[in-house]
């Protein structure tokens, strides 16, 4: 089950109460106060785990509580500290305050850790209140409550390249051919109901991660079709691979399809529409003698100054050249980013 947005309630552990105790031992008259402190309550941390790809755990565990601290004991013994609760989330998870919408943390790398709710401090025992003028203290402190938080967890997949386009243009077929990802493939709209990630090997020393984003239709940014639910997964990609169906059987104009998809992406996030793109005409094996649709897409690529590839994903035609070009563009953008960071 793919879940990419959940609400969670966190309750860190309460600190243990301080102890009221007096030393009672044979041959030790007036032993004095010896009540120990309460243990601190457990905190709640989020930890990025590269082996996870969904927030499904939190769908069934929306309320998470850390352990309380134990109360203090006599002989100045401090109570046991409450155990911390560590909740694993996928890389790419954003933690937001549910009330304000403020971003509290963004997990971009594996093993990153964020303390979401701090445990309460343990109360002081009566030994801490003893003084030369107050030798028999009977007061102590209650443990402080732990922090309580209502948070929104939102997952945005981290991929180097994102496959975009209308439903049934061949995105799932393409990712299944160039990587080990195995999405469900069928000849009806919205076969792909969840994003898929795949690792593409380009030679022996380089690879990149590609995401198959469920098909976009007109009105997607308003929630039509699968809508805005998956548009956010394109935001982290470095390169957009825009796939058009140029077969005569789709019943659509590929040039118009390009305009519709770009309009929806721009309406969702204008910056995303300016991201580097590679234009791909798929299903060339179905063209027959009439090449007019292919020529129209070639002219579109020339007008937009976009790299262009004509492929057949199902037969594997020109896939090596396409993946090599995508890898080169990713390396180019990474080098440019590193140079900018050094300045």
C-alpha atoms as a PDB file:
ATOM      1  CA  UNK A   1       0.000   0.000   0.000  1.00  0.00           C
ATOM      2  CA  UNK A   2       1.426   3.387  -1.024  1.00  0.00           C
ATOM      3  CA  UNK A   3       0.636   6.187   1.434  1.00  0.00           C
ATOM      4  CA  UNK A   4       2.310   9.566   0.905  1.00  0.00           C
ATOM      5  CA  UNK A   5       0.484  11.837   3.359  1.00  0.00           C
ATOM      6  CA  UNK A   6      -0.596  11.132   6.948  1.00  0.00           C
ATOM      7  CA  UNK A   7      -1.430  12.977  10.151  1.00  0.00           C
ATOM      8  CA  UNK A   8       0.226  11.768  13.330  1.00  0.00           C
ATOM      9  CA  UNK A   9      -0.112  12.637  17.007  1.00  0.00           C
ATOM     10  CA  UNK A  10       2.991  12.378  19.163  1.00  0.00           C
ATOM     11  CA  UNK A  11       3.175  12.342  22.946  1.00  0.00           C
ATOM     12  CA  UNK A  12       6.603  12.300  24.549  1.00  0.00           C
ATOM     13  CA  UNK A  13       6.982  10.618  27.921  1.00  0.00           C
ATOM     14  CA  UNK A  14       6.226  12.409  31.189  1.00  0.00           C
ATOM     15  CA  UNK A  15       9.118  12.841  33.601  1.00  0.00           C
ATOM     16  CA  UNK A  16       9.052  10.752  36.766  1.00  0.00           C
ATOM     17  CA  UNK A  17       8.140  12.385  40.083  1.00  0.00           C
ATOM     18  CA  UNK A  18      10.818  13.176  42.622  1.00  0.00           C
ATOM     19  CA  UNK A  19      10.900  11.037  45.779  1.00  0.00           C
ATOM     20  CA  UNK A  20      10.356  12.027  49.409  1.00  0.00           C
ATOM     21  CA  UNK A  21      12.523   9.758  51.546  1.00  0.00           C
ATOM     22  CA  UNK A  22      14.694   9.885  54.666  1.00  0.00           C
ATOM     23  CA  UNK A  23      17.713   7.778  55.388  1.00  0.00           C
ATOM     24  CA  UNK A  24      16.967   5.088  57.947  1.00  0.00           C
ATOM     25  CA  UNK A  25      19.962   2.990  58.975  1.00  0.00           C
ATOM     26  CA  UNK A  26      21.124   1.465  62.233  1.00  0.00           C
ATOM     27  CA  UNK A  27      23.728   3.614  63.969  1.00  0.00           C
ATOM     28  CA  UNK A  28      23.018   6.559  61.637  1.00  0.00           C
ATOM     29  CA  UNK A  29      20.864   8.968  63.629  1.00  0.00           C
ATOM     30  CA  UNK A  30      19.329  11.893  61.779  1.00  0.00           C
ATOM     31  CA  UNK A  31      20.207  10.396  58.410  1.00  0.00           C
ATOM     32  CA  UNK A  32      18.522  13.244  56.596  1.00  0.00           C
ATOM     33  CA  UNK A  33      16.613  13.397  53.294  1.00  0.00           C
ATOM     34  CA  UNK A  34      17.707  11.042  50.526  1.00  0.00           C
ATOM     35  CA  UNK A  35      14.866  11.191  47.963  1.00  0.00           C
ATOM     36  CA  UNK A  36      16.183  10.861  44.400  1.00  0.00           C
ATOM     37  CA  UNK A  37      15.109  12.600  41.182  1.00  0.00           C
ATOM     38  CA  UNK A  38      12.581  11.191  38.766  1.00  0.00           C
ATOM     39  CA  UNK A  39      13.820   9.914  35.429  1.00  0.00           C
ATOM     40  CA  UNK A  40      13.346  11.997  32.291  1.00  0.00           C
ATOM     41  CA  UNK A  41      10.554  10.970  29.951  1.00  0.00           C
ATOM     42  CA  UNK A  42      11.340   9.406  26.600  1.00  0.00           C
ATOM     43  CA  UNK A  43      11.548  11.603  23.496  1.00  0.00           C
ATOM     44  CA  UNK A  44      10.219  10.813  20.000  1.00  0.00           C
ATOM     45  CA  UNK A  45      12.587  10.928  17.022  1.00  0.00           C
ATOM     46  CA  UNK A  46      12.068  10.437  13.280  1.00  0.00           C
ATOM     47  CA  UNK A  47      14.803   8.549  11.412  1.00  0.00           C
ATOM     48  CA  UNK A  48      15.190   8.424   7.625  1.00  0.00           C
ATOM     49  CA  UNK A  49      15.337   4.822   6.377  1.00  0.00           C
ATOM     50  CA  UNK A  50      16.353   4.201   2.765  1.00  0.00           C
ATOM     51  CA  UNK A  51      14.560   0.827   2.797  1.00  0.00           C
ATOM     52  CA  UNK A  52      11.126   2.447   3.177  1.00  0.00           C
ATOM     53  CA  UNK A  53       9.104   3.941   0.337  1.00  0.00           C
ATOM     54  CA  UNK A  54       5.740   4.671   1.973  1.00  0.00           C
ATOM     55  CA  UNK A  55       4.199   6.141   5.119  1.00  0.00           C
ATOM     56  CA  UNK A  56       1.804   3.207   5.461  1.00  0.00           C
ATOM     57  CA  UNK A  57       2.947   2.423   9.031  1.00  0.00           C
ATOM     58  CA  UNK A  58       1.417   5.674  10.246  1.00  0.00           C
ATOM     59  CA  UNK A  59      -1.923   4.936   8.575  1.00  0.00           C
ATOM     60  CA  UNK A  60      -2.385   2.192  11.170  1.00  0.00           C
ATOM     61  CA  UNK A  61      -0.397   3.865  13.993  1.00  0.00           C
ATOM     62  CA  UNK A  62      -1.524   7.517  13.983  1.00  0.00           C
ATOM     63  CA  UNK A  63      -0.928   7.958  17.739  1.00  0.00           C
ATOM     64  CA  UNK A  64       2.569   7.340  19.083  1.00  0.00           C
ATOM     65  CA  UNK A  65       3.644   7.648  22.714  1.00  0.00           C
ATOM     66  CA  UNK A  66       7.066   7.395  24.329  1.00  0.00           C
ATOM     67  CA  UNK A  67       7.646   5.785  27.723  1.00  0.00           C
ATOM     68  CA  UNK A  68       7.314   7.700  30.986  1.00  0.00           C
ATOM     69  CA  UNK A  69      10.243   8.237  33.319  1.00  0.00           C
ATOM     70  CA  UNK A  70      10.224   6.217  36.550  1.00  0.00           C
ATOM     71  CA  UNK A  71       9.853   8.043  39.887  1.00  0.00           C
ATOM     72  CA  UNK A  72      12.889   8.632  42.071  1.00  0.00           C
ATOM     73  CA  UNK A  73      13.715   6.330  44.978  1.00  0.00           C
ATOM     74  CA  UNK A  74      15.330   6.511  48.386  1.00  0.00           C
ATOM     75  CA  UNK A  75      19.114   6.425  48.869  1.00  0.00           C
ATOM     76  CA  UNK A  76      19.333   9.222  46.279  1.00  0.00           C
ATOM     77  CA  UNK A  77      18.517   6.846  43.440  1.00  0.00           C
ATOM     78  CA  UNK A  78      17.336   8.503  40.244  1.00  0.00           C
ATOM     79  CA  UNK A  79      14.403   6.876  38.486  1.00  0.00           C
ATOM     80  CA  UNK A  80      14.950   5.058  35.213  1.00  0.00           C
ATOM     81  CA  UNK A  81      14.777   7.226  32.129  1.00  0.00           C
ATOM     82  CA  UNK A  82      11.893   6.560  29.759  1.00  0.00           C
ATOM     83  CA  UNK A  83      12.977   4.872  26.516  1.00  0.00           C
ATOM     84  CA  UNK A  84      13.042   7.079  23.422  1.00  0.00           C
ATOM     85  CA  UNK A  85      10.707   6.145  20.577  1.00  0.00           C
ATOM     86  CA  UNK A  86      12.329   6.107  17.120  1.00  0.00           C
ATOM     87  CA  UNK A  87       9.921   6.210  14.154  1.00  0.00           C
ATOM     88  CA  UNK A  88      11.376   5.362  10.741  1.00  0.00           C
ATOM     89  CA  UNK A  89      10.238   7.329   7.677  1.00  0.00           C
ATOM     90  CA  UNK A  90      11.247   7.152   3.992  1.00  0.00           C
ATOM     91  CA  UNK A  91      13.898   9.473   2.606  1.00  0.00           C
ATOM     92  CA  UNK A  92      12.004  12.401   1.089  1.00  0.00           C
ATOM     93  CA  UNK A  93       9.582  12.821   3.993  1.00  0.00           C
ATOM     94  CA  UNK A  94       8.692  16.365   5.045  1.00  0.00           C
ATOM     95  CA  UNK A  95       7.563  16.972   8.627  1.00  0.00           C
ATOM     96  CA  UNK A  96       5.087  19.839   8.997  1.00  0.00           C
ATOM     97  CA  UNK A  97       3.239  21.409  11.900  1.00  0.00           C
ATOM     98  CA  UNK A  98      -0.396  20.519  11.247  1.00  0.00           C
ATOM     99  CA  UNK A  99      -1.764  23.755  12.706  1.00  0.00           C
ATOM    100  CA  UNK A 100       0.536  26.240  10.932  1.00  0.00           C
ATOM    101  CA  UNK A 101       1.792  24.267   7.951  1.00  0.00           C
ATOM    102  CA  UNK A 102       5.380  25.241   8.803  1.00  0.00           C
ATOM    103  CA  UNK A 103       8.061  22.817   7.647  1.00  0.00           C
ATOM    104  CA  UNK A 104       9.926  21.482  10.680  1.00  0.00           C
ATOM    105  CA  UNK A 105      12.293  19.108   8.912  1.00  0.00           C
ATOM    106  CA  UNK A 106      12.991  17.694   5.456  1.00  0.00           C
ATOM    107  CA  UNK A 107      14.638  14.269   5.205  1.00  0.00           C
ATOM    108  CA  UNK A 108      16.936  14.369   2.185  1.00  0.00           C
ATOM    109  CA  UNK A 109      19.499  11.718   3.173  1.00  0.00           C
ATOM    110  CA  UNK A 110      19.411   8.290   4.842  1.00  0.00           C
ATOM    111  CA  UNK A 111      20.105   8.157   8.588  1.00  0.00           C
ATOM    112  CA  UNK A 112      19.067  11.763   9.186  1.00  0.00           C
ATOM    113  CA  UNK A 113      17.403  12.153  12.576  1.00  0.00           C
ATOM    114  CA  UNK A 114      14.946  14.737  13.872  1.00  0.00           C
ATOM    115  CA  UNK A 115      13.674  15.100  17.434  1.00  0.00           C
ATOM    116  CA  UNK A 116       9.985  15.776  16.972  1.00  0.00           C
ATOM    117  CA  UNK A 117       8.835  15.725  20.640  1.00  0.00           C
ATOM    118  CA  UNK A 118      11.052  16.110  23.706  1.00  0.00           C
ATOM    119  CA  UNK A 119      10.430  14.088  26.832  1.00  0.00           C
ATOM    120  CA  UNK A 120       9.507  15.795  30.100  1.00  0.00           C
ATOM    121  CA  UNK A 121      12.161  16.436  32.740  1.00  0.00           C
ATOM    122  CA  UNK A 122      12.079  14.356  35.905  1.00  0.00           C
ATOM    123  CA  UNK A 123      11.139  16.106  39.144  1.00  0.00           C
ATOM    124  CA  UNK A 124      13.619  16.707  41.974  1.00  0.00           C
ATOM    125  CA  UNK A 125      13.542  14.579  45.111  1.00  0.00           C
ATOM    126  CA  UNK A 126      13.435  16.053  48.595  1.00  0.00           C
ATOM    127  CA  UNK A 127      17.213  15.693  49.017  1.00  0.00           C
ATOM    128  CA  UNK A 128      17.587  18.658  46.644  1.00  0.00           C
ATOM    129  CA  UNK A 129      15.596  20.914  48.972  1.00  0.00           C
ATOM    130  CA  UNK A 130      17.751  20.346  52.046  1.00  0.00           C
ATOM    131  CA  UNK A 131      19.678  23.307  53.468  1.00  0.00           C
ATOM    132  CA  UNK A 132      21.194  24.386  56.780  1.00  0.00           C
ATOM    133  CA  UNK A 133      17.915  26.044  57.730  1.00  0.00           C
ATOM    134  CA  UNK A 134      15.630  23.463  56.154  1.00  0.00           C
ATOM    135  CA  UNK A 135      16.975  20.087  57.233  1.00  0.00           C
ATOM    136  CA  UNK A 136      13.816  18.001  57.013  1.00  0.00           C
ATOM    137  CA  UNK A 137      12.299  18.910  53.616  1.00  0.00           C
ATOM    138  CA  UNK A 138       9.150  17.066  52.656  1.00  0.00           C
ATOM    139  CA  UNK A 139       8.565  18.772  49.347  1.00  0.00           C
ATOM    140  CA  UNK A 140       9.416  17.309  45.958  1.00  0.00           C
ATOM    141  CA  UNK A 141       8.752  18.129  42.312  1.00  0.00           C
ATOM    142  CA  UNK A 142       6.316  16.427  40.003  1.00  0.00           C
ATOM    143  CA  UNK A 143       7.710  15.247  36.693  1.00  0.00           C
ATOM    144  CA  UNK A 144       7.052  17.602  33.791  1.00  0.00           C
ATOM    145  CA  UNK A 145       4.822  16.455  30.928  1.00  0.00           C
ATOM    146  CA  UNK A 146       6.420  15.575  27.621  1.00  0.00           C
ATOM    147  CA  UNK A 147       5.745  17.584  24.472  1.00  0.00           C
ATOM    148  CA  UNK A 148       2.621  16.770  22.500  1.00  0.00           C
ATOM    149  CA  UNK A 149       2.607  17.437  18.764  1.00  0.00           C
ATOM    150  CA  UNK A 150       0.123  17.046  15.921  1.00  0.00           C
ATOM    151  CA  UNK A 151       2.150  16.728  12.739  1.00  0.00           C
ATOM    152  CA  UNK A 152       1.609  16.210   9.039  1.00  0.00           C
ATOM    153  CA  UNK A 153       4.004  13.840   7.267  1.00  0.00           C
ATOM    154  CA  UNK A 154       4.255  14.279   3.517  1.00  0.00           C
ATOM    155  CA  UNK A 155       6.377  12.117   1.243  1.00  0.00           C
ATOM    156  CA  UNK A 156       7.925  13.496  -1.932  1.00  0.00           C
ATOM    157  CA  UNK A 157       9.879  10.842  -3.783  1.00  0.00           C
ATOM    158  CA  UNK A 158      13.501  11.673  -4.481  1.00  0.00           C
ATOM    159  CA  UNK A 159      14.481  10.711  -8.017  1.00  0.00           C
ATOM    160  CA  UNK A 160      16.971  12.057 -10.538  1.00  0.00           C
ATOM    161  CA  UNK A 161      14.542  11.818 -13.460  1.00  0.00           C
ATOM    162  CA  UNK A 162      10.743  11.860 -13.583  1.00  0.00           C
ATOM    163  CA  UNK A 163       8.654  10.325 -16.359  1.00  0.00           C
ATOM    164  CA  UNK A 164       5.666  12.547 -17.123  1.00  0.00           C
ATOM    165  CA  UNK A 165       2.893  12.487 -19.698  1.00  0.00           C
ATOM    166  CA  UNK A 166      -0.715  11.511 -20.317  1.00  0.00           C
ATOM    167  CA  UNK A 167      -2.032   8.111 -19.185  1.00  0.00           C
ATOM    168  CA  UNK A 168      -1.117   5.210 -21.464  1.00  0.00           C
ATOM    169  CA  UNK A 169       1.777   6.911 -23.230  1.00  0.00           C
ATOM    170  CA  UNK A 170       4.138   4.122 -22.146  1.00  0.00           C
ATOM    171  CA  UNK A 171       5.764   5.423 -18.945  1.00  0.00           C
ATOM    172  CA  UNK A 172       5.285   2.160 -17.053  1.00  0.00           C
ATOM    173  CA  UNK A 173       6.537   0.109 -19.980  1.00  0.00           C
ATOM    174  CA  UNK A 174       9.610   2.314 -20.263  1.00  0.00           C
ATOM    175  CA  UNK A 175      10.549   2.092 -16.584  1.00  0.00           C
ATOM    176  CA  UNK A 176      10.067  -1.677 -16.665  1.00  0.00           C
ATOM    177  CA  UNK A 177      12.490  -1.920 -19.620  1.00  0.00           C
ATOM    178  CA  UNK A 178      15.264   0.332 -18.287  1.00  0.00           C
ATOM    179  CA  UNK A 179      15.155  -0.699 -14.607  1.00  0.00           C
ATOM    180  CA  UNK A 180      14.093  -3.522 -12.301  1.00  0.00           C
ATOM    181  CA  UNK A 181      10.796  -1.777 -11.420  1.00  0.00           C
ATOM    182  CA  UNK A 182       7.730  -3.848 -12.319  1.00  0.00           C
ATOM    183  CA  UNK A 183       4.601  -1.666 -12.357  1.00  0.00           C
ATOM    184  CA  UNK A 184       1.248  -3.076 -13.468  1.00  0.00           C
ATOM    185  CA  UNK A 185       0.795  -2.470 -17.193  1.00  0.00           C
ATOM    186  CA  UNK A 186      -2.545  -2.628 -18.987  1.00  0.00           C
ATOM    187  CA  UNK A 187      -4.370  -0.885 -21.825  1.00  0.00           C
ATOM    188  CA  UNK A 188      -6.715   1.390 -19.894  1.00  0.00           C
ATOM    189  CA  UNK A 189      -6.382   4.848 -18.291  1.00  0.00           C
ATOM    190  CA  UNK A 190      -4.671   5.163 -14.924  1.00  0.00           C
ATOM    191  CA  UNK A 191      -3.132   1.697 -14.929  1.00  0.00           C
ATOM    192  CA  UNK A 192      -0.457   3.253 -12.737  1.00  0.00           C
ATOM    193  CA  UNK A 193      -2.120   4.287  -9.489  1.00  0.00           C
ATOM    194  CA  UNK A 194       1.059   4.902  -7.481  1.00  0.00           C
ATOM    195  CA  UNK A 195       4.522   6.280  -8.369  1.00  0.00           C
ATOM    196  CA  UNK A 196       7.262   3.730  -8.957  1.00  0.00           C
ATOM    197  CA  UNK A 197      11.008   4.139  -8.517  1.00  0.00           C
ATOM    198  CA  UNK A 198      13.633   2.290 -10.512  1.00  0.00           C
ATOM    199  CA  UNK A 199      17.421   2.369 -10.662  1.00  0.00           C
ATOM    200  CA  UNK A 200      18.866   2.654 -14.173  1.00  0.00           C
ATOM    201  CA  UNK A 201      22.430   1.409 -14.700  1.00  0.00           C
ATOM    202  CA  UNK A 202      24.368   3.314 -17.338  1.00  0.00           C
ATOM    203  CA  UNK A 203      27.667   1.543 -17.838  1.00  0.00           C
ATOM    204  CA  UNK A 204      29.579   0.096 -14.916  1.00  0.00           C
ATOM    205  CA  UNK A 205      30.266   3.281 -12.974  1.00  0.00           C
ATOM    206  CA  UNK A 206      27.063   5.292 -13.069  1.00  0.00           C
ATOM    207  CA  UNK A 207      23.375   4.917 -12.350  1.00  0.00           C
ATOM    208  CA  UNK A 208      20.389   7.165 -11.706  1.00  0.00           C
ATOM    209  CA  UNK A 209      16.961   6.856 -10.101  1.00  0.00           C
ATOM    210  CA  UNK A 210      13.888   7.323 -12.260  1.00  0.00           C
ATOM    211  CA  UNK A 211      10.299   7.825 -11.074  1.00  0.00           C
ATOM    212  CA  UNK A 212       7.222   6.791 -13.032  1.00  0.00           C
ATOM    213  CA  UNK A 213       4.615   9.441 -12.179  1.00  0.00           C
ATOM    214  CA  UNK A 214       0.952   8.460 -12.756  1.00  0.00           C
ATOM    215  CA  UNK A 215      -0.568  10.070 -15.842  1.00  0.00           C
ATOM    216  CA  UNK A 216      -1.592  13.722 -15.876  1.00  0.00           C
ATOM    217  CA  UNK A 217      -4.748  15.009 -17.542  1.00  0.00           C
ATOM    218  CA  UNK A 218      -6.276  18.435 -18.024  1.00  0.00           C
ATOM    219  CA  UNK A 219      -7.313  19.833 -14.658  1.00  0.00           C
ATOM    220  CA  UNK A 220      -4.809  17.693 -12.742  1.00  0.00           C
ATOM    221  CA  UNK A 221      -3.675  20.667 -10.627  1.00  0.00           C
ATOM    222  CA  UNK A 222      -7.307  21.033  -9.498  1.00  0.00           C
ATOM    223  CA  UNK A 223      -7.508  17.386  -8.464  1.00  0.00           C
ATOM    224  CA  UNK A 224      -8.981  15.916 -11.647  1.00  0.00           C
ATOM    225  CA  UNK A 225      -7.951  12.367 -12.472  1.00  0.00           C
ATOM    226  CA  UNK A 226      -5.233  11.391 -10.022  1.00  0.00           C
ATOM    227  CA  UNK A 227      -4.566  15.118  -9.832  1.00  0.00           C
ATOM    228  CA  UNK A 228      -2.427  16.931  -7.355  1.00  0.00           C
ATOM    229  CA  UNK A 229      -2.007  13.742  -5.322  1.00  0.00           C
ATOM    230  CA  UNK A 230       1.080  12.808  -7.352  1.00  0.00           C
ATOM    231  CA  UNK A 231       2.189  16.081  -8.955  1.00  0.00           C
ATOM    232  CA  UNK A 232       4.254  16.782  -5.824  1.00  0.00           C
ATOM    233  CA  UNK A 233       6.437  13.745  -6.534  1.00  0.00           C
ATOM    234  CA  UNK A 234       7.828  15.510  -9.626  1.00  0.00           C
ATOM    235  CA  UNK A 235       9.132  18.436  -7.557  1.00  0.00           C
ATOM    236  CA  UNK A 236      12.362  16.787  -6.415  1.00  0.00           C
ATOM    237  CA  UNK A 237      13.420  15.449  -9.825  1.00  0.00           C
ATOM    238  CA  UNK A 238      16.356  17.035 -11.647  1.00  0.00           C
ATOM    239  CA  UNK A 239      15.226  16.169 -15.179  1.00  0.00           C
ATOM    240  CA  UNK A 240      11.747  15.643 -16.633  1.00  0.00           C
ATOM    241  CA  UNK A 241      11.420  13.004 -19.338  1.00  0.00           C
ATOM    242  CA  UNK A 242       8.254  14.039 -21.179  1.00  0.00           C
ATOM    243  CA  UNK A 243       6.752  11.090 -23.060  1.00  0.00           C
ATOM    244  CA  UNK A 244       4.286  11.534 -25.924  1.00  0.00           C
ATOM    245  CA  UNK A 245       2.261   8.817 -27.640  1.00  0.00           C
ATOM    246  CA  UNK A 246       2.679   9.315 -31.387  1.00  0.00           C
ATOM    247  CA  UNK A 247       0.761   6.209 -32.476  1.00  0.00           C
ATOM    248  CA  UNK A 248      -2.349   6.862 -34.587  1.00  0.00           C
ATOM    249  CA  UNK A 249      -4.493   4.825 -32.162  1.00  0.00           C
ATOM    250  CA  UNK A 250      -4.444   7.123 -29.121  1.00  0.00           C
ATOM    251  CA  UNK A 251      -7.109   9.466 -30.521  1.00  0.00           C
ATOM    252  CA  UNK A 252      -5.141  12.493 -29.282  1.00  0.00           C
ATOM    253  CA  UNK A 253      -2.771  15.036 -30.792  1.00  0.00           C
ATOM    254  CA  UNK A 254       0.673  14.600 -29.177  1.00  0.00           C
ATOM    255  CA  UNK A 255       1.497  18.294 -29.610  1.00  0.00           C
ATOM    256  CA  UNK A 256      -1.678  19.266 -27.768  1.00  0.00           C
ATOM    257  CA  UNK A 257      -0.903  16.658 -25.097  1.00  0.00           C
ATOM    258  CA  UNK A 258       2.446  18.361 -24.491  1.00  0.00           C
ATOM    259  CA  UNK A 259       0.770  21.745 -24.062  1.00  0.00           C
ATOM    260  CA  UNK A 260      -1.841  20.356 -21.644  1.00  0.00           C
ATOM    261  CA  UNK A 261       0.704  18.610 -19.421  1.00  0.00           C
ATOM    262  CA  UNK A 262       2.974  21.665 -19.305  1.00  0.00           C
ATOM    263  CA  UNK A 263       0.008  23.865 -18.437  1.00  0.00           C
ATOM    264  CA  UNK A 264      -0.912  21.612 -15.518  1.00  0.00           C
ATOM    265  CA  UNK A 265       2.677  21.482 -14.234  1.00  0.00           C
ATOM    266  CA  UNK A 266       3.021  25.284 -14.481  1.00  0.00           C
ATOM    267  CA  UNK A 267      -0.272  25.766 -12.625  1.00  0.00           C
ATOM    268  CA  UNK A 268       0.975  23.490  -9.847  1.00  0.00           C
ATOM    269  CA  UNK A 269       4.496  24.916  -9.613  1.00  0.00           C
ATOM    270  CA  UNK A 270       5.833  27.485 -12.153  1.00  0.00           C
ATOM    271  CA  UNK A 271       9.449  26.659 -11.276  1.00  0.00           C
ATOM    272  CA  UNK A 272       8.833  23.027 -12.137  1.00  0.00           C
ATOM    273  CA  UNK A 273       7.748  23.958 -15.660  1.00  0.00           C
ATOM    274  CA  UNK A 274      11.176  25.554 -16.209  1.00  0.00           C
ATOM    275  CA  UNK A 275      13.077  22.400 -15.240  1.00  0.00           C
ATOM    276  CA  UNK A 276      15.297  20.691 -17.813  1.00  0.00           C
ATOM    277  CA  UNK A 277      13.343  18.354 -20.083  1.00  0.00           C
ATOM    278  CA  UNK A 278      13.952  15.636 -22.610  1.00  0.00           C
ATOM    279  CA  UNK A 279      11.151  15.081 -25.121  1.00  0.00           C
ATOM    280  CA  UNK A 280      10.424  11.464 -26.071  1.00  0.00           C
ATOM    281  CA  UNK A 281       8.148  10.238 -28.853  1.00  0.00           C
ATOM    282  CA  UNK A 282       7.049   6.715 -27.955  1.00  0.00           C
ATOM    283  CA  UNK A 283       5.398   3.892 -29.961  1.00  0.00           C
ATOM    284  CA  UNK A 284       7.213   4.607 -33.246  1.00  0.00           C
ATOM    285  CA  UNK A 285       6.692   0.915 -34.090  1.00  0.00           C
ATOM    286  CA  UNK A 286       2.984   1.643 -34.600  1.00  0.00           C
ATOM    287  CA  UNK A 287       3.348   4.529 -37.058  1.00  0.00           C
ATOM    288  CA  UNK A 288       3.236   2.676 -40.354  1.00  0.00           C
ATOM    289  CA  UNK A 289       3.819   4.751 -43.487  1.00  0.00           C
ATOM    290  CA  UNK A 290       2.415   8.019 -42.133  1.00  0.00           C
ATOM    291  CA  UNK A 291       5.192   9.816 -40.222  1.00  0.00           C
ATOM    292  CA  UNK A 292       3.372  13.138 -39.845  1.00  0.00           C
ATOM    293  CA  UNK A 293       2.823  12.763 -36.100  1.00  0.00           C
ATOM    294  CA  UNK A 294       6.515  12.033 -35.556  1.00  0.00           C
ATOM    295  CA  UNK A 295       7.507  15.048 -37.645  1.00  0.00           C
ATOM    296  CA  UNK A 296       5.143  17.282 -35.687  1.00  0.00           C
ATOM    297  CA  UNK A 297       6.774  16.263 -32.401  1.00  0.00           C
ATOM    298  CA  UNK A 298      10.252  16.760 -33.901  1.00  0.00           C
ATOM    299  CA  UNK A 299       9.293  20.322 -34.858  1.00  0.00           C
ATOM    300  CA  UNK A 300       7.896  20.879 -31.354  1.00  0.00           C
ATOM    301  CA  UNK A 301      11.214  19.773 -29.833  1.00  0.00           C
ATOM    302  CA  UNK A 302      13.105  22.094 -32.191  1.00  0.00           C
ATOM    303  CA  UNK A 303      10.882  25.071 -31.271  1.00  0.00           C
ATOM    304  CA  UNK A 304      11.274  24.399 -27.562  1.00  0.00           C
ATOM    305  CA  UNK A 305      15.006  23.608 -27.968  1.00  0.00           C
ATOM    306  CA  UNK A 306      14.570  20.283 -26.188  1.00  0.00           C
ATOM    307  CA  UNK A 307      16.641  17.121 -26.703  1.00  0.00           C
ATOM    308  CA  UNK A 308      14.506  14.692 -28.691  1.00  0.00           C
ATOM    309  CA  UNK A 309      14.357  10.888 -28.921  1.00  0.00           C
ATOM    310  CA  UNK A 310      12.018   8.621 -30.876  1.00  0.00           C
ATOM    311  CA  UNK A 311      11.668   5.231 -29.192  1.00  0.00           C
ATOM    312  CA  UNK A 312       9.636   2.080 -28.924  1.00  0.00           C
ATOM    313  CA  UNK A 313       9.573   1.220 -25.232  1.00  0.00           C
ATOM    314  CA  UNK A 314       7.893  -2.146 -25.732  1.00  0.00           C
ATOM    315  CA  UNK A 315      10.469  -3.266 -28.344  1.00  0.00           C
ATOM    316  CA  UNK A 316      13.447  -1.567 -26.690  1.00  0.00           C
ATOM    317  CA  UNK A 317      14.337   0.606 -29.677  1.00  0.00           C
ATOM    318  CA  UNK A 318      16.707   3.542 -28.876  1.00  0.00           C
ATOM    319  CA  UNK A 319      16.421   3.039 -25.103  1.00  0.00           C
ATOM    320  CA  UNK A 320      20.199   2.902 -24.619  1.00  0.00           C
ATOM    321  CA  UNK A 321      20.647   6.276 -26.314  1.00  0.00           C
ATOM    322  CA  UNK A 322      17.846   7.768 -24.206  1.00  0.00           C
ATOM    323  CA  UNK A 323      19.194   6.541 -20.851  1.00  0.00           C
ATOM    324  CA  UNK A 324      22.702   7.689 -21.771  1.00  0.00           C
ATOM    325  CA  UNK A 325      21.377  11.173 -22.566  1.00  0.00           C
ATOM    326  CA  UNK A 326      19.381  11.338 -19.320  1.00  0.00           C
ATOM    327  CA  UNK A 327      22.443  10.274 -17.311  1.00  0.00           C
ATOM    328  CA  UNK A 328      24.588  12.881 -19.067  1.00  0.00           C
ATOM    329  CA  UNK A 329      22.061  15.629 -18.331  1.00  0.00           C
ATOM    330  CA  UNK A 330      21.922  14.616 -14.655  1.00  0.00           C
ATOM    331  CA  UNK A 331      25.731  14.702 -14.410  1.00  0.00           C
ATOM    332  CA  UNK A 332      25.769  18.092 -16.124  1.00  0.00           C
ATOM    333  CA  UNK A 333      23.250  19.551 -13.675  1.00  0.00           C
ATOM    334  CA  UNK A 334      25.107  18.036 -10.701  1.00  0.00           C
ATOM    335  CA  UNK A 335      28.390  19.570 -11.878  1.00  0.00           C
ATOM    336  CA  UNK A 336      26.727  22.948 -12.394  1.00  0.00           C
ATOM    337  CA  UNK A 337      25.221  22.778  -8.908  1.00  0.00           C
ATOM    338  CA  UNK A 338      28.577  21.903  -7.355  1.00  0.00           C
ATOM    339  CA  UNK A 339      30.254  24.808  -9.156  1.00  0.00           C
ATOM    340  CA  UNK A 340      27.568  27.224  -7.969  1.00  0.00           C
ATOM    341  CA  UNK A 341      27.928  25.983  -4.382  1.00  0.00           C
ATOM    342  CA  UNK A 342      31.697  26.594  -4.467  1.00  0.00           C
ATOM    343  CA  UNK A 343      31.336  30.237  -5.503  1.00  0.00           C
END
